[in-house]
Amino acid sequence: MSAAAQFSAILRKDLTRELRTREVLVSVFLFVMLSMVVFHYAFATGENDLTFFTGGMLWVTFLFGALLGLNRSFAQEKDEGCLDGLLLCPVDRVTIFLAKTVANLVLLLAIQVVAVPVFSLFFVERGYLGELPQLVLVVLLADLGICALGTLLATISMNSRARDLLLPVLFLPLIVPVLIAATSATTAVFAGDAGFGDLAARLIFLAAFDAVFLVAAYGTYDFAIGE
């Protein structure tokens, strides 16, 4: 079986399991929606323009929501012994990483497709459809960094008894650069100051962050999942 077929099989398995149980989708979606309601009643007074806070509120919500899903990336397979069977298969460990990362990315994007329009109804006072391509590019690059780093750290922490605590401790300090770049870029989009030239530095930074951790995972994942 080729690497592409192995990747497709693992990805299809993860997505099919999630579509059947909806465990991650429902929990993350509810968390994101409840967070937006809390932000709405905490900050929306009807008198203040919250446009310049929208990026921070949106990405903090997505970041903590993603942690819920990342914690489940390997938990079920580890607890049920499925991971041992997967490791015994003649599959490149990097293929496992890529499939898990893409599965996490697809689930996060599915949440965001619903959550961003709802968020805009609460907090954004101007139309942003003209800057939609810029927003999509920011979201894709930021999500890839979140999922690549999160999948790698979820693999490292899955053998720990305190994995639910260890993953946030490892993940949150390292993801801060992505949070800063994505927040400023998203706020610029909602404020109407987001031409591709204006966002170039942030987009390049997000792309470089993604590349660094994808390369790091490629070089270390065999050891990370084997331990």
Protein backbone atom coordinates (compact mmCIF):
# COMPACT_ATOMS: atom_id res chain seq x y z
CA MET A 1 0.00 0.00 0.00
CA SER A 2 1.36 3.40 -0.98
CA ALA A 3 1.92 6.23 1.48
CA ALA A 4 -1.00 8.15 -0.06
CA ALA A 5 -3.32 5.17 0.44
CA GLN A 6 -2.16 4.75 4.05
CA PHE A 7 -2.70 8.46 4.70
CA SER A 8 -6.18 8.28 3.17
CA ALA A 9 -7.11 5.20 5.22
CA ILE A 10 -6.07 6.74 8.56
CA LEU A 11 -7.73 10.05 7.74
CA ARG A 12 -10.94 8.34 6.66
CA LYS A 13 -10.94 6.24 9.85
CA ASP A 14 -10.63 9.30 12.10
CA LEU A 15 -13.25 11.34 10.26
CA THR A 16 -15.69 8.42 10.04
CA ARG A 17 -15.36 7.74 13.77
CA GLU A 18 -15.99 11.39 14.55
CA LEU A 19 -19.02 11.57 12.25
CA ARG A 20 -20.46 8.54 14.02
CA THR A 21 -19.86 9.69 17.58
CA ARG A 22 -19.72 13.50 17.08
CA GLU A 23 -17.88 13.59 20.40
CA VAL A 24 -15.34 16.25 19.47
CA LEU A 25 -17.54 18.26 17.12
CA VAL A 26 -20.38 18.68 19.59
CA SER A 27 -18.17 19.49 22.60
CA VAL A 28 -16.00 22.00 20.72
CA PHE A 29 -18.99 23.60 18.99
CA LEU A 30 -20.84 24.07 22.28
CA PHE A 31 -17.71 25.51 23.90
CA VAL A 32 -17.21 28.01 21.06
CA MET A 33 -20.86 29.09 21.03
CA LEU A 34 -21.01 29.48 24.82
CA SER A 35 -17.77 31.48 24.79
CA MET A 36 -19.24 33.86 22.23
CA VAL A 37 -22.38 34.33 24.31
CA VAL A 38 -20.23 35.09 27.38
CA PHE A 39 -18.12 37.59 25.41
CA HIS A 40 -21.27 39.19 24.03
CA TYR A 41 -22.82 39.86 27.43
CA ALA A 42 -19.48 40.74 29.02
CA PHE A 43 -18.38 43.35 26.47
CA ALA A 44 -21.24 44.35 24.18
CA THR A 45 -22.74 47.41 25.84
CA GLY A 46 -24.29 48.91 22.71
CA GLU A 47 -22.14 52.02 23.01
CA ASN A 48 -18.60 50.84 22.34
CA ASP A 49 -17.12 49.65 19.05
CA LEU A 50 -15.55 46.25 19.76
CA THR A 51 -14.07 45.78 16.29
CA PHE A 52 -10.50 46.04 17.56
CA PHE A 53 -11.14 43.29 20.12
CA THR A 54 -12.77 40.84 17.72
CA GLY A 55 -9.59 39.08 16.61
CA GLY A 56 -8.48 38.39 20.17
CA MET A 57 -11.89 37.11 21.29
CA LEU A 58 -12.24 34.89 18.22
CA TRP A 59 -8.81 33.26 18.37
CA VAL A 60 -8.74 32.76 22.12
CA THR A 61 -12.06 30.94 21.75
CA PHE A 62 -10.79 28.81 18.86
CA LEU A 63 -7.52 28.06 20.63
CA PHE A 64 -9.13 26.67 23.75
CA GLY A 65 -11.74 24.89 21.67
CA ALA A 66 -8.99 23.25 19.62
CA LEU A 67 -7.39 22.00 22.84
CA LEU A 68 -10.54 20.00 23.56
CA GLY A 69 -10.22 18.24 20.23
CA LEU A 70 -6.46 17.76 20.43
CA ASN A 71 -6.82 16.07 23.79
CA ARG A 72 -8.99 13.47 22.08
CA SER A 73 -6.65 12.95 19.10
CA PHE A 74 -5.03 9.86 20.55
CA ALA A 75 -6.93 9.32 23.80
CA GLN A 76 -9.48 6.87 22.45
CA GLU A 77 -6.96 4.85 20.45
CA LYS A 78 -4.57 4.80 23.39
CA ASP A 79 -7.19 3.79 25.94
CA GLU A 80 -8.66 1.05 23.73
CA GLY A 81 -5.29 -0.33 22.56
CA CYS A 82 -5.87 0.61 18.93
CA LEU A 83 -2.68 2.64 18.78
CA ASP A 84 -0.53 -0.45 19.36
CA GLY A 85 -2.16 -2.12 16.37
CA LEU A 86 -1.59 0.95 14.24
CA LEU A 87 2.09 1.06 15.20
CA LEU A 88 2.48 -2.62 14.29
CA CYS A 89 1.25 -1.91 10.76
CA PRO A 90 3.87 -1.17 8.07
CA VAL A 91 3.02 2.53 8.09
CA ASP A 92 5.50 5.39 8.15
CA ARG A 93 5.07 7.24 11.45
CA VAL A 94 5.12 10.59 9.63
CA THR A 95 2.10 9.41 7.62
CA ILE A 96 0.26 8.90 10.91
CA PHE A 97 1.19 12.43 11.98
CA LEU A 98 0.02 13.98 8.71
CA ALA A 99 -3.28 12.10 8.75
CA LYS A 100 -3.96 13.06 12.38
CA THR A 101 -3.05 16.70 11.66
CA VAL A 102 -5.35 16.90 8.65
CA ALA A 103 -8.18 15.23 10.60
CA ASN A 104 -7.81 17.81 13.38
CA LEU A 105 -7.65 20.57 10.76
CA VAL A 106 -10.85 19.41 9.03
CA LEU A 107 -12.74 19.26 12.33
CA LEU A 108 -11.52 22.72 13.40
CA LEU A 109 -12.46 24.21 10.03
CA ALA A 110 -15.91 22.63 10.24
CA ILE A 111 -16.47 24.42 13.54
CA GLN A 112 -15.17 27.71 12.17
CA VAL A 113 -17.40 27.64 9.08
CA VAL A 114 -20.37 27.91 11.43
CA ALA A 115 -18.78 29.92 14.24
CA VAL A 116 -17.26 32.84 12.28
CA PRO A 117 -20.58 34.02 10.76
CA VAL A 118 -22.28 33.73 14.16
CA PHE A 119 -19.40 35.65 15.75
CA SER A 120 -19.66 38.39 13.13
CA LEU A 121 -23.34 38.86 13.97
CA PHE A 122 -22.43 39.47 17.60
CA PHE A 123 -19.38 41.68 17.27
CA VAL A 124 -18.62 42.93 13.73
CA GLU A 125 -20.39 46.14 12.73
CA ARG A 126 -19.23 46.32 9.12
CA GLY A 127 -19.26 43.91 6.20
CA TYR A 128 -16.08 41.95 5.58
CA LEU A 129 -16.98 39.93 2.48
CA GLY A 130 -14.62 42.05 0.42
CA GLU A 131 -11.75 40.86 2.61
CA LEU A 132 -12.99 37.25 2.80
CA PRO A 133 -10.03 35.81 0.81
CA GLN A 134 -7.59 37.40 3.27
CA LEU A 135 -9.58 36.05 6.23
CA VAL A 136 -9.67 32.53 4.75
CA LEU A 137 -5.90 32.60 4.18
CA VAL A 138 -5.23 33.77 7.75
CA VAL A 139 -7.53 31.09 9.17
CA LEU A 140 -5.98 28.30 7.10
CA LEU A 141 -2.39 29.21 8.00
CA ALA A 142 -3.19 29.72 11.69
CA ASP A 143 -5.20 26.50 11.87
CA LEU A 144 -2.41 24.52 10.23
CA GLY A 145 0.05 25.77 12.85
CA ILE A 146 -2.36 25.01 15.70
CA CYS A 147 -3.07 21.48 14.43
CA ALA A 148 0.53 20.61 13.50
CA LEU A 149 1.96 21.73 16.83
CA GLY A 150 -1.02 20.39 18.78
CA THR A 151 -0.88 16.95 17.15
CA LEU A 152 2.85 16.65 17.84
CA LEU A 153 2.42 17.65 21.50
CA ALA A 154 -0.68 15.46 21.91
CA THR A 155 1.46 12.53 20.77
CA ILE A 156 4.18 13.38 23.26
CA SER A 157 1.75 13.80 26.16
CA MET A 158 -0.55 10.84 25.47
CA ASN A 159 1.50 8.39 27.56
CA SER A 160 1.36 10.65 30.60
CA ARG A 161 -1.25 10.07 33.29
CA ALA A 162 -1.75 13.83 33.42
CA ARG A 163 -2.11 14.25 29.66
CA ASP A 164 -5.16 16.53 29.99
CA LEU A 165 -3.00 18.92 32.02
CA LEU A 166 0.32 18.36 30.26
CA LEU A 167 -0.91 19.21 26.76
CA PRO A 168 -2.09 22.77 27.62
CA VAL A 169 1.09 23.40 29.62
CA LEU A 170 3.23 22.46 26.61
CA PHE A 171 0.96 23.85 23.91
CA LEU A 172 -0.10 27.29 25.08
CA PRO A 173 3.36 28.91 25.48
CA LEU A 174 4.48 27.66 22.06
CA ILE A 175 1.33 28.76 20.22
CA VAL A 176 1.45 32.36 21.47
CA PRO A 177 3.26 33.66 18.31
CA VAL A 178 0.50 32.21 16.13
CA LEU A 179 -2.14 33.70 18.42
CA ILE A 180 -0.58 37.17 18.15
CA ALA A 181 -0.21 37.06 14.36
CA ALA A 182 -3.67 35.59 13.75
CA THR A 183 -5.32 38.02 16.17
CA SER A 184 -3.80 41.12 14.59
CA ALA A 185 -4.52 39.88 11.05
CA THR A 186 -8.14 38.97 11.84
CA THR A 187 -8.76 42.28 13.58
CA ALA A 188 -7.37 44.08 10.52
CA VAL A 189 -9.78 42.14 8.29
CA PHE A 190 -12.81 43.02 10.42
CA ALA A 191 -11.68 46.65 10.66
CA GLY A 192 -11.31 46.94 6.88
CA ASP A 193 -7.54 47.50 6.86
CA ALA A 194 -6.52 44.16 5.37
CA GLY A 195 -5.12 44.26 1.87
CA PHE A 196 -2.78 41.41 1.01
CA GLY A 197 0.12 43.85 1.17
CA ASP A 198 -0.88 44.96 4.66
CA LEU A 199 -1.08 41.34 5.86
CA ALA A 200 2.04 40.11 4.07
CA ALA A 201 4.33 40.10 7.11
CA ARG A 202 1.79 38.24 9.28
CA LEU A 203 1.02 35.70 6.57
CA ILE A 204 4.71 35.04 5.98
CA PHE A 205 5.23 34.60 9.71
CA LEU A 206 2.33 32.12 9.98
CA ALA A 207 3.63 30.18 6.98
CA ALA A 208 7.14 30.08 8.46
CA PHE A 209 5.77 28.85 11.82
CA ASP A 210 3.85 26.08 10.04
CA ALA A 211 6.94 25.06 8.08
CA VAL A 212 9.14 24.96 11.18
CA PHE A 213 6.86 22.66 13.14
CA LEU A 214 6.05 20.44 10.18
CA VAL A 215 9.79 19.92 9.66
CA ALA A 216 10.28 19.39 13.41
CA ALA A 217 7.53 16.79 13.45
CA TYR A 218 9.00 15.06 10.40
CA GLY A 219 12.34 14.72 12.15
CA THR A 220 11.10 13.73 15.60
CA TYR A 221 7.75 11.99 15.18
CA ASP A 222 9.13 8.47 14.92
CA PHE A 223 10.69 8.91 18.37
CA ALA A 224 7.69 10.82 19.80
CA ILE A 225 5.09 8.21 18.95
CA GLY A 226 7.38 5.29 19.68
CA GLU A 227 7.91 6.44 23.26
